[in-house]
Protein backbone atom coordinates (compact mmCIF):
# COMPACT_ATOMS: atom_id res chain seq x y z
CA MET A 1 -57.91 17.89 -24.30
CA ILE A 2 -59.57 21.26 -24.74
CA GLN A 3 -59.55 20.88 -28.52
CA LEU A 4 -61.05 17.42 -28.12
CA ALA A 5 -63.76 18.91 -25.90
CA TRP A 6 -64.64 21.45 -28.61
CA ARG A 7 -64.78 18.60 -31.16
CA LEU A 8 -67.10 16.66 -28.86
CA LEU A 9 -69.46 19.64 -28.79
CA ARG A 10 -69.39 19.86 -32.56
CA PHE A 11 -69.84 16.21 -33.49
CA GLN A 12 -71.61 14.65 -30.48
CA LYS A 13 -74.30 17.26 -29.86
CA ASP A 14 -76.71 14.79 -28.27
CA SER A 15 -74.25 13.29 -25.78
CA GLY A 16 -74.71 13.75 -22.06
CA LEU A 17 -71.51 15.76 -21.77
CA ALA A 18 -72.55 18.14 -24.55
CA ARG A 19 -75.98 18.64 -22.99
CA TRP A 20 -74.30 19.30 -19.63
CA PHE A 21 -72.11 21.98 -21.25
CA GLN A 22 -75.06 23.58 -23.04
CA ALA A 23 -77.08 23.75 -19.83
CA ARG A 24 -74.19 25.36 -17.94
CA THR A 25 -73.39 27.93 -20.63
CA SER A 26 -76.91 28.97 -21.58
CA ASP A 27 -76.37 32.48 -20.15
CA GLY A 28 -74.31 33.37 -23.25
CA ARG A 29 -71.31 34.94 -21.49
CA GLY A 30 -67.96 34.19 -23.12
CA THR A 31 -66.14 33.86 -19.83
CA THR A 32 -68.53 31.14 -18.72
CA ARG A 33 -67.91 29.19 -21.93
CA LYS A 34 -64.12 29.43 -21.48
CA THR A 35 -64.32 28.21 -17.91
CA MET A 36 -66.78 25.44 -18.65
CA ILE A 37 -64.84 24.08 -21.65
CA LEU A 38 -62.02 23.28 -19.23
CA ALA A 39 -64.48 21.52 -16.93
CA LEU A 40 -65.86 19.64 -19.95
CA ALA A 41 -62.34 18.60 -20.97
CA ARG A 42 -61.78 17.18 -17.48
CA LYS A 43 -65.10 15.31 -17.58
CA LEU A 44 -64.23 14.01 -21.04
CA LEU A 45 -60.85 12.76 -19.82
CA ILE A 46 -62.58 10.84 -17.02
CA ALA A 47 -65.15 9.43 -19.46
CA LEU A 48 -62.41 8.30 -21.85
CA TRP A 49 -60.51 6.71 -18.97
CA ARG A 50 -63.64 4.76 -18.04
CA LEU A 51 -64.03 3.71 -21.66
CA VAL A 52 -60.49 2.37 -21.79
CA THR A 53 -60.48 0.65 -18.39
CA THR A 54 -64.04 -0.70 -18.12
CA GLY A 55 -65.44 -0.41 -21.64
CA GLU A 56 -68.24 1.87 -20.45
CA MET A 57 -69.30 4.28 -23.21
CA PRO A 58 -70.14 7.84 -22.16
CA HIS A 59 -73.89 8.43 -22.10
CA GLY A 60 -75.29 9.47 -25.47
CA VAL A 61 -72.02 9.16 -27.42
CA VAL A 62 -72.44 7.48 -30.80
CA SER A 63 -69.39 5.52 -31.94
CA ARG A 64 -68.46 4.94 -35.54
CA PRO A 65 -68.66 1.42 -36.98
CA ASN A 66 -65.52 -0.67 -36.82
CA ILE A 67 -63.31 0.00 -39.85
CA MET A 68 -61.98 -3.56 -39.69
CA THR A 69 -65.38 -5.09 -40.46
CA ALA A 70 -65.02 -7.71 -43.15
CA SER A 71 -66.79 -6.83 -46.38
CA SER A 72 -65.16 -9.32 -48.74
CA LYS A 73 -63.11 -12.51 -48.81
CA GLU A 74 -59.87 -10.51 -48.93
CA ASP A 75 -60.91 -8.64 -45.80
CA ASP A 76 -61.63 -11.97 -44.07
CA ASP A 77 -58.07 -13.08 -44.80
CA TRP A 78 -56.81 -9.78 -43.45
CA ASP A 79 -58.76 -10.19 -40.21
CA ILE A 80 -57.42 -13.72 -39.73
CA SER A 81 -53.81 -12.67 -40.30
CA LEU A 82 -54.26 -9.66 -38.02
CA ALA A 83 -55.62 -11.91 -35.28
CA ALA A 84 -52.66 -14.27 -35.72
CA LEU A 85 -50.24 -11.36 -35.53
CA LEU A 86 -51.85 -10.10 -32.33
CA ARG A 87 -51.53 -13.57 -30.76
CA VAL A 88 -47.81 -13.65 -31.62
CA CYS A 89 -47.22 -10.20 -30.16
CA ARG A 90 -48.70 -11.05 -26.75
């Protein structure tokens, strides 16, 4: 989770969690950053849990487009067969 928190800071710089971390660690001390990255990891875990259970995106996080978006006829067939497979597996 701590590695994921560092990745969040690197790639989601405008998210609410990243801004929270930056505000808390603006004093520049290394010990503060180490302590606060653990707090950020905990907040991130809660935010991800909310995403999974309720579908609520964390504030300011930008998600990537869906990789399963159909771009051609072959992809449409793939989406249909994937949907059929998911219905069978339920």
